[in-house]
C-alpha atoms as a PDB file:
ATOM      1  CA  MET A   1      -0.610 -10.484 -22.529  1.00  0.00           C
ATOM      2  CA  ALA A   2      -0.731 -10.352 -18.718  1.00  0.00           C
ATOM      3  CA  ARG A   3      -0.710  -6.921 -17.136  1.00  0.00           C
ATOM      4  CA  THR A   4       2.141  -5.954 -14.821  1.00  0.00           C
ATOM      5  CA  ALA A   5       1.512  -4.955 -11.206  1.00  0.00           C
ATOM      6  CA  LEU A   6       3.935  -3.240  -8.843  1.00  0.00           C
ATOM      7  CA  VAL A   7       3.483  -3.668  -5.086  1.00  0.00           C
ATOM      8  CA  THR A   8       5.701  -1.461  -2.937  1.00  0.00           C
ATOM      9  CA  GLY A   9       6.634  -3.000   0.383  1.00  0.00           C
ATOM     10  CA  GLY A  10       5.507  -6.166  -1.317  1.00  0.00           C
ATOM     11  CA  THR A  11       7.637  -8.860   0.329  1.00  0.00           C
ATOM     12  CA  ARG A  12       6.310  -8.887   3.894  1.00  0.00           C
ATOM     13  CA  GLY A  13       3.037  -8.616   5.795  1.00  0.00           C
ATOM     14  CA  ILE A  14       0.066  -7.191   3.937  1.00  0.00           C
ATOM     15  CA  GLY A  15       2.267  -6.418   0.940  1.00  0.00           C
ATOM     16  CA  ALA A  16       3.344 -10.042   0.586  1.00  0.00           C
ATOM     17  CA  ALA A  17      -0.274 -11.208   0.692  1.00  0.00           C
ATOM     18  CA  ILE A  18      -1.146  -8.651  -2.002  1.00  0.00           C
ATOM     19  CA  SER A  19       1.740  -9.729  -4.226  1.00  0.00           C
ATOM     20  CA  LYS A  20       0.706 -13.379  -3.972  1.00  0.00           C
ATOM     21  CA  ALA A  21      -2.964 -12.620  -4.593  1.00  0.00           C
ATOM     22  CA  LEU A  22      -2.190 -10.629  -7.734  1.00  0.00           C
ATOM     23  CA  LYS A  23       0.088 -13.366  -9.031  1.00  0.00           C
ATOM     24  CA  ALA A  24      -2.731 -15.868  -8.470  1.00  0.00           C
ATOM     25  CA  GLU A  25      -4.951 -13.633 -10.617  1.00  0.00           C
ATOM     26  CA  GLY A  26      -2.473 -13.918 -13.488  1.00  0.00           C
ATOM     27  CA  TYR A  27      -0.600 -10.621 -13.247  1.00  0.00           C
ATOM     28  CA  ASN A  28       3.136 -10.217 -13.704  1.00  0.00           C
ATOM     29  CA  VAL A  29       4.057  -9.006 -10.234  1.00  0.00           C
ATOM     30  CA  ALA A  30       7.024  -6.957  -9.064  1.00  0.00           C
ATOM     31  CA  ALA A  31       7.444  -6.543  -5.315  1.00  0.00           C
ATOM     32  CA  SER A  32       9.672  -3.721  -4.132  1.00  0.00           C
ATOM     33  CA  TYR A  33      11.347  -3.560  -0.732  1.00  0.00           C
ATOM     34  CA  ALA A  34      13.584  -1.129   1.111  1.00  0.00           C
ATOM     35  CA  GLY A  35      16.192  -3.037   3.061  1.00  0.00           C
ATOM     36  CA  ASN A  36      15.598  -6.633   4.155  1.00  0.00           C
ATOM     37  CA  ASP A  37      17.533  -8.577   1.519  1.00  0.00           C
ATOM     38  CA  GLU A  38      17.150 -11.886   3.331  1.00  0.00           C
ATOM     39  CA  ALA A  39      13.360 -11.635   3.530  1.00  0.00           C
ATOM     40  CA  ALA A  40      13.155 -10.576  -0.128  1.00  0.00           C
ATOM     41  CA  ALA A  41      15.306 -13.477  -1.301  1.00  0.00           C
ATOM     42  CA  LYS A  42      13.223 -15.932   0.714  1.00  0.00           C
ATOM     43  CA  PHE A  43      10.018 -14.418  -0.672  1.00  0.00           C
ATOM     44  CA  THR A  44      11.200 -14.816  -4.275  1.00  0.00           C
ATOM     45  CA  GLU A  45      12.363 -18.366  -3.619  1.00  0.00           C
ATOM     46  CA  GLU A  46       8.977 -19.324  -2.154  1.00  0.00           C
ATOM     47  CA  THR A  47       6.715 -17.490  -4.608  1.00  0.00           C
ATOM     48  CA  GLY A  48       8.655 -16.931  -7.817  1.00  0.00           C
ATOM     49  CA  ILE A  49       7.728 -13.243  -7.618  1.00  0.00           C
ATOM     50  CA  ALA A  50      10.483 -10.859  -8.747  1.00  0.00           C
ATOM     51  CA  THR A  51      11.736  -8.428  -6.111  1.00  0.00           C
ATOM     52  CA  TYR A  52      13.381  -5.043  -6.578  1.00  0.00           C
ATOM     53  CA  LYS A  53      15.152  -2.923  -3.974  1.00  0.00           C
ATOM     54  CA  TRP A  54      14.705   0.822  -3.676  1.00  0.00           C
ATOM     55  CA  ASN A  55      13.667   3.483  -1.196  1.00  0.00           C
ATOM     56  CA  VAL A  56      10.238   4.886  -2.088  1.00  0.00           C
ATOM     57  CA  ALA A  57      11.144   8.099  -0.246  1.00  0.00           C
ATOM     58  CA  ASP A  58      13.679   8.882  -2.996  1.00  0.00           C
ATOM     59  CA  TYR A  59      12.185   9.949  -6.341  1.00  0.00           C
ATOM     60  CA  ASP A  60      15.231   9.151  -8.455  1.00  0.00           C
ATOM     61  CA  GLU A  61      15.590   5.689  -6.886  1.00  0.00           C
ATOM     62  CA  SER A  62      11.901   5.014  -7.429  1.00  0.00           C
ATOM     63  CA  LYS A  63      12.017   6.150 -11.050  1.00  0.00           C
ATOM     64  CA  ALA A  64      15.077   4.023 -11.784  1.00  0.00           C
ATOM     65  CA  GLY A  65      13.553   1.007 -10.054  1.00  0.00           C
ATOM     66  CA  ILE A  66      10.301   1.380 -11.964  1.00  0.00           C
ATOM     67  CA  GLU A  67      12.189   1.661 -15.248  1.00  0.00           C
ATOM     68  CA  LYS A  68      13.967  -1.614 -14.435  1.00  0.00           C
ATOM     69  CA  VAL A  69      10.670  -3.340 -13.635  1.00  0.00           C
ATOM     70  CA  GLU A  70       9.130  -2.166 -16.897  1.00  0.00           C
ATOM     71  CA  ALA A  71      12.179  -3.241 -18.885  1.00  0.00           C
ATOM     72  CA  GLU A  72      11.975  -6.744 -17.419  1.00  0.00           C
ATOM     73  CA  LEU A  73       8.236  -7.323 -16.947  1.00  0.00           C
ATOM     74  CA  GLY A  74       6.486  -4.811 -19.187  1.00  0.00           C
ATOM     75  CA  PRO A  75       4.560  -1.556 -18.688  1.00  0.00           C
ATOM     76  CA  ILE A  76       3.118  -1.167 -15.191  1.00  0.00           C
ATOM     77  CA  ASP A  77      -0.674  -0.943 -15.329  1.00  0.00           C
ATOM     78  CA  ILE A  78      -1.405  -1.605 -11.646  1.00  0.00           C
ATOM     79  CA  VAL A  79       0.352   0.179  -8.796  1.00  0.00           C
ATOM     80  CA  VAL A  80      -0.247  -0.792  -5.184  1.00  0.00           C
ATOM     81  CA  ALA A  81       1.363   1.851  -2.952  1.00  0.00           C
ATOM     82  CA  ASN A  82       1.718  -0.188   0.208  1.00  0.00           C
ATOM     83  CA  ALA A  83       5.164   0.712   1.582  1.00  0.00           C
ATOM     84  CA  GLY A  84       5.003   2.460   4.922  1.00  0.00           C
ATOM     85  CA  ILE A  85       6.786   2.976   8.226  1.00  0.00           C
ATOM     86  CA  THR A  86       5.966   4.136  11.740  1.00  0.00           C
ATOM     87  CA  ARG A  87       8.001   6.336  14.037  1.00  0.00           C
ATOM     88  CA  ASP A  88       5.574   6.667  16.936  1.00  0.00           C
ATOM     89  CA  ALA A  89       5.850   9.211  19.731  1.00  0.00           C
ATOM     90  CA  PRO A  90       3.472  11.528  21.598  1.00  0.00           C
ATOM     91  CA  PHE A  91       3.403  14.837  19.763  1.00  0.00           C
ATOM     92  CA  HIS A  92       5.276  16.732  22.493  1.00  0.00           C
ATOM     93  CA  LYS A  93       8.122  14.227  22.192  1.00  0.00           C
ATOM     94  CA  MET A  94       8.069  13.773  18.422  1.00  0.00           C
ATOM     95  CA  THR A  95      11.241  14.922  16.695  1.00  0.00           C
ATOM     96  CA  PRO A  96      11.454  16.627  13.304  1.00  0.00           C
ATOM     97  CA  GLU A  97      13.367  13.550  12.130  1.00  0.00           C
ATOM     98  CA  GLN A  98      10.499  11.238  13.128  1.00  0.00           C
ATOM     99  CA  TRP A  99       8.046  13.537  11.362  1.00  0.00           C
ATOM    100  CA  HIS A 100      10.015  13.764   8.111  1.00  0.00           C
ATOM    101  CA  GLN A 101      10.895  10.066   7.927  1.00  0.00           C
ATOM    102  CA  VAL A 102       7.235   9.088   8.000  1.00  0.00           C
ATOM    103  CA  ILE A 103       6.109  11.897   5.686  1.00  0.00           C
ATOM    104  CA  ASP A 104       8.841  11.073   3.171  1.00  0.00           C
ATOM    105  CA  THR A 105       7.992   7.366   3.048  1.00  0.00           C
ATOM    106  CA  ASN A 106       4.229   7.179   3.550  1.00  0.00           C
ATOM    107  CA  LEU A 107       3.107  10.317   1.722  1.00  0.00           C
ATOM    108  CA  THR A 108       5.851  11.487  -0.634  1.00  0.00           C
ATOM    109  CA  GLY A 109       6.527   7.821  -1.328  1.00  0.00           C
ATOM    110  CA  VAL A 110       3.095   7.526  -2.935  1.00  0.00           C
ATOM    111  CA  PHE A 111       3.912  10.437  -5.242  1.00  0.00           C
ATOM    112  CA  ASN A 112       7.289   8.893  -6.045  1.00  0.00           C
ATOM    113  CA  THR A 113       5.637   5.575  -6.908  1.00  0.00           C
ATOM    114  CA  VAL A 114       2.691   6.785  -8.960  1.00  0.00           C
ATOM    115  CA  HIS A 115       4.180   9.786 -10.762  1.00  0.00           C
ATOM    116  CA  PRO A 116       6.658   7.831 -12.955  1.00  0.00           C
ATOM    117  CA  VAL A 117       3.966   5.413 -14.222  1.00  0.00           C
ATOM    118  CA  TRP A 118       1.161   7.951 -14.659  1.00  0.00           C
ATOM    119  CA  PRO A 119       2.116   9.103 -18.201  1.00  0.00           C
ATOM    120  CA  GLY A 120       2.197   5.517 -19.454  1.00  0.00           C
ATOM    121  CA  MET A 121      -1.197   4.773 -17.928  1.00  0.00           C
ATOM    122  CA  ARG A 122      -2.652   7.855 -19.608  1.00  0.00           C
ATOM    123  CA  GLU A 123      -1.131   6.900 -22.944  1.00  0.00           C
ATOM    124  CA  ARG A 124      -2.445   3.313 -22.766  1.00  0.00           C
ATOM    125  CA  LYS A 125      -5.843   4.478 -21.455  1.00  0.00           C
ATOM    126  CA  PHE A 126      -5.738   2.048 -18.549  1.00  0.00           C
ATOM    127  CA  GLY A 127      -4.457   2.165 -15.003  1.00  0.00           C
ATOM    128  CA  ARG A 128      -5.196   1.036 -11.476  1.00  0.00           C
ATOM    129  CA  VAL A 129      -3.768   3.013  -8.561  1.00  0.00           C
ATOM    130  CA  ILE A 130      -4.449   1.409  -5.190  1.00  0.00           C
ATOM    131  CA  VAL A 131      -3.133   3.074  -2.043  1.00  0.00           C
ATOM    132  CA  ILE A 132      -2.991   1.245   1.266  1.00  0.00           C
ATOM    133  CA  SER A 133      -3.978   3.844   3.845  1.00  0.00           C
ATOM    134  CA  SER A 134      -5.082   3.006   7.403  1.00  0.00           C
ATOM    135  CA  ILE A 135      -7.909   3.208   9.900  1.00  0.00           C
ATOM    136  CA  ASN A 136      -5.670   5.645  11.771  1.00  0.00           C
ATOM    137  CA  GLY A 137      -5.716   7.985   8.784  1.00  0.00           C
ATOM    138  CA  GLN A 138      -9.490   8.102   9.208  1.00  0.00           C
ATOM    139  CA  LYS A 139      -9.805   8.473  12.974  1.00  0.00           C
ATOM    140  CA  GLY A 140      -6.355   9.501  14.177  1.00  0.00           C
ATOM    141  CA  GLN A 141      -4.346   7.728  16.860  1.00  0.00           C
ATOM    142  CA  PHE A 142      -2.444   8.628  20.005  1.00  0.00           C
ATOM    143  CA  ALA A 143       1.302   8.991  19.371  1.00  0.00           C
ATOM    144  CA  GLN A 144       0.808   8.794  15.613  1.00  0.00           C
ATOM    145  CA  VAL A 145       0.371  12.384  14.472  1.00  0.00           C
ATOM    146  CA  ASN A 146       2.955  11.799  11.738  1.00  0.00           C
ATOM    147  CA  TYR A 147       1.528   8.451  10.601  1.00  0.00           C
ATOM    148  CA  ALA A 148      -2.113   9.566  10.739  1.00  0.00           C
ATOM    149  CA  ALA A 149      -1.281  12.709   8.768  1.00  0.00           C
ATOM    150  CA  THR A 150       0.308  10.673   5.982  1.00  0.00           C
ATOM    151  CA  LYS A 151      -2.503   8.153   5.795  1.00  0.00           C
ATOM    152  CA  ALA A 152      -5.115  10.913   5.687  1.00  0.00           C
ATOM    153  CA  GLY A 153      -3.066  12.639   2.997  1.00  0.00           C
ATOM    154  CA  ASP A 154      -3.022   9.427   0.976  1.00  0.00           C
ATOM    155  CA  LEU A 155      -6.820   9.613   0.786  1.00  0.00           C
ATOM    156  CA  GLY A 156      -6.552  13.120  -0.656  1.00  0.00           C
ATOM    157  CA  ILE A 157      -4.127  11.856  -3.290  1.00  0.00           C
ATOM    158  CA  VAL A 158      -6.566   9.130  -4.319  1.00  0.00           C
ATOM    159  CA  LYS A 159      -9.563  11.461  -4.586  1.00  0.00           C
ATOM    160  CA  SER A 160      -7.618  13.898  -6.732  1.00  0.00           C
ATOM    161  CA  LEU A 161      -6.037  11.287  -8.992  1.00  0.00           C
ATOM    162  CA  ALA A 162      -9.446   9.710  -9.545  1.00  0.00           C
ATOM    163  CA  GLN A 163     -10.727  12.966 -11.024  1.00  0.00           C
ATOM    164  CA  GLU A 164      -7.660  13.476 -13.186  1.00  0.00           C
ATOM    165  CA  GLY A 165      -7.467   9.912 -14.459  1.00  0.00           C
ATOM    166  CA  ALA A 166     -11.099   8.964 -15.025  1.00  0.00           C
ATOM    167  CA  ARG A 167     -11.331  10.021 -18.672  1.00  0.00           C
ATOM    168  CA  ALA A 168      -8.076   8.191 -19.401  1.00  0.00           C
ATOM    169  CA  GLY A 169      -9.399   4.898 -18.036  1.00  0.00           C
ATOM    170  CA  ILE A 170      -7.444   5.171 -14.803  1.00  0.00           C
ATOM    171  CA  THR A 171      -8.977   4.499 -11.404  1.00  0.00           C
ATOM    172  CA  ALA A 172      -7.500   5.452  -8.043  1.00  0.00           C
ATOM    173  CA  ASN A 173      -8.840   3.960  -4.839  1.00  0.00           C
ATOM    174  CA  ALA A 174      -7.716   3.430  -1.265  1.00  0.00           C
ATOM    175  CA  ILE A 175      -8.028   0.668   1.276  1.00  0.00           C
ATOM    176  CA  CYS A 176      -7.970   1.489   4.984  1.00  0.00           C
ATOM    177  CA  PRO A 177      -7.118  -1.670   6.904  1.00  0.00           C
ATOM    178  CA  GLY A 178      -7.907  -1.904  10.575  1.00  0.00           C
ATOM    179  CA  TYR A 179      -5.719  -4.023  12.819  1.00  0.00           C
ATOM    180  CA  ILE A 180      -4.343  -6.942  10.806  1.00  0.00           C
ATOM    181  CA  ALA A 181      -2.550 -10.053  12.086  1.00  0.00           C
ATOM    182  CA  THR A 182       0.825  -9.145  10.630  1.00  0.00           C
ATOM    183  CA  GLU A 183       4.183  -9.979  12.146  1.00  0.00           C
ATOM    184  CA  MET A 184       4.339  -6.486  13.678  1.00  0.00           C
ATOM    185  CA  VAL A 185       0.935  -6.697  15.385  1.00  0.00           C
ATOM    186  CA  MET A 186       1.461 -10.268  16.579  1.00  0.00           C
ATOM    187  CA  ALA A 187       4.747  -9.180  18.194  1.00  0.00           C
ATOM    188  CA  VAL A 188       3.066  -6.785  20.633  1.00  0.00           C
ATOM    189  CA  PRO A 189       2.437  -8.051  24.183  1.00  0.00           C
ATOM    190  CA  GLU A 190      -0.583 -10.342  24.454  1.00  0.00           C
ATOM    191  CA  LYS A 191      -2.416  -8.007  26.833  1.00  0.00           C
ATOM    192  CA  VAL A 192      -2.056  -5.127  24.378  1.00  0.00           C
ATOM    193  CA  ARG A 193      -3.241  -7.337  21.531  1.00  0.00           C
ATOM    194  CA  GLU A 194      -6.259  -8.433  23.567  1.00  0.00           C
ATOM    195  CA  ALA A 195      -7.098  -4.777  24.266  1.00  0.00           C
ATOM    196  CA  ILE A 196      -6.962  -4.035  20.531  1.00  0.00           C
ATOM    197  CA  ILE A 197      -9.227  -6.972  19.725  1.00  0.00           C
ATOM    198  CA  GLY A 198     -11.623  -5.786  22.419  1.00  0.00           C
ATOM    199  CA  GLN A 199     -12.217  -2.626  20.341  1.00  0.00           C
ATOM    200  CA  ILE A 200     -13.106  -4.597  17.183  1.00  0.00           C
ATOM    201  CA  PRO A 201     -16.781  -5.626  16.972  1.00  0.00           C
ATOM    202  CA  ALA A 202     -15.830  -8.597  14.790  1.00  0.00           C
ATOM    203  CA  GLY A 203     -13.892  -9.909  17.771  1.00  0.00           C
ATOM    204  CA  ARG A 204     -10.692 -10.678  15.900  1.00  0.00           C
ATOM    205  CA  LEU A 205      -7.808  -9.221  13.954  1.00  0.00           C
ATOM    206  CA  GLY A 206      -8.057  -9.088  10.184  1.00  0.00           C
ATOM    207  CA  GLU A 207      -5.975 -11.362   7.988  1.00  0.00           C
ATOM    208  CA  PRO A 208      -3.541  -9.996   5.368  1.00  0.00           C
ATOM    209  CA  GLU A 209      -5.316 -12.092   2.736  1.00  0.00           C
ATOM    210  CA  GLU A 210      -8.552 -10.181   3.388  1.00  0.00           C
ATOM    211  CA  ILE A 211      -6.852  -6.941   2.406  1.00  0.00           C
ATOM    212  CA  ALA A 212      -5.266  -8.672  -0.583  1.00  0.00           C
ATOM    213  CA  ARG A 213      -8.677  -9.741  -1.869  1.00  0.00           C
ATOM    214  CA  CYS A 214      -9.833  -6.114  -1.770  1.00  0.00           C
ATOM    215  CA  VAL A 215      -6.793  -5.150  -3.829  1.00  0.00           C
ATOM    216  CA  ALA A 216      -7.383  -7.928  -6.354  1.00  0.00           C
ATOM    217  CA  PHE A 217     -10.915  -6.664  -6.933  1.00  0.00           C
ATOM    218  CA  LEU A 218      -9.852  -3.030  -7.345  1.00  0.00           C
ATOM    219  CA  ALA A 219      -7.154  -4.097  -9.805  1.00  0.00           C
ATOM    220  CA  SER A 220      -9.629  -5.984 -11.968  1.00  0.00           C
ATOM    221  CA  GLU A 221     -11.714  -4.930 -14.954  1.00  0.00           C
ATOM    222  CA  ASP A 222     -14.824  -5.437 -12.803  1.00  0.00           C
ATOM    223  CA  SER A 223     -13.962  -2.378 -10.675  1.00  0.00           C
ATOM    224  CA  GLN A 224     -13.760   0.159 -13.506  1.00  0.00           C
ATOM    225  CA  PHE A 225     -16.661   2.335 -12.249  1.00  0.00           C
ATOM    226  CA  ILE A 226     -15.283   2.466  -8.702  1.00  0.00           C
ATOM    227  CA  ASN A 227     -13.033   5.496  -8.566  1.00  0.00           C
ATOM    228  CA  GLY A 228     -11.921   7.799  -5.753  1.00  0.00           C
ATOM    229  CA  SER A 229     -13.350   5.419  -3.163  1.00  0.00           C
ATOM    230  CA  THR A 230     -12.107   4.116   0.164  1.00  0.00           C
ATOM    231  CA  ILE A 231     -12.721   0.572   1.359  1.00  0.00           C
ATOM    232  CA  SER A 232     -12.661   0.364   5.149  1.00  0.00           C
ATOM    233  CA  ALA A 233     -11.642  -3.169   6.105  1.00  0.00           C
ATOM    234  CA  ASN A 234     -11.645  -3.003   9.888  1.00  0.00           C
ATOM    235  CA  GLY A 235     -14.206  -5.443  11.304  1.00  0.00           C
ATOM    236  CA  ALA A 236     -16.685  -2.614  12.039  1.00  0.00           C
ATOM    237  CA  GLN A 237     -14.226  -0.816  14.329  1.00  0.00           C
ATOM    238  CA  PHE A 238     -14.705   2.558  12.691  1.00  0.00           C
ATOM    239  CA  PHE A 239     -17.181   4.051  10.239  1.00  0.00           C
ATOM    240  CA  VAL A 240     -16.717   7.140   8.077  1.00  0.00           C
END
């Protein structure tokens, strides 16, 4: 029987590429999304991947959504915590609302996504937790104190879960993408985009599919001895 994978924020950008890659590997895939019904419907029509709507920042919504996924597709063995937002501002202008919105989605949202499936993974003695962090969680970024804090915190979650889950056959790993050619990045002014590319030794933006291939490997049986690790996929822009 095919394993079931949940990808949060799984209908657009990097998340969409991950959802499609996991489906191609034979998983039953559920892609969650927060608000864009039109994009989700189009994604399901084009891919056949089931979509589910909930806000990862809300624990009760997440738990209910996960229960629905498991009722329809089976126990979730692979979780890809990809959902995230930005609310950028220089620190002296950042509002408490901007801080809490990003913390609630990008950091607490990982807890809300993983916590409901953790007992089942422990019981079945198998699980893959994959968190999509960011290069800016490793090096920081101007006007992203909130975002960088969450993405650094996600790495702490992974390292701790790896230690707790190892004996139960559960792995927890993170991927830190650099600048990827998503709709959001491609929408920035060309001069800004050229300046970003100028900082990447590879001389180009990454592709969403390159991140998806990292996820597919970490979700597989072949990755079982890789636990608590971070894959930096950034074209040599930053080393840890």
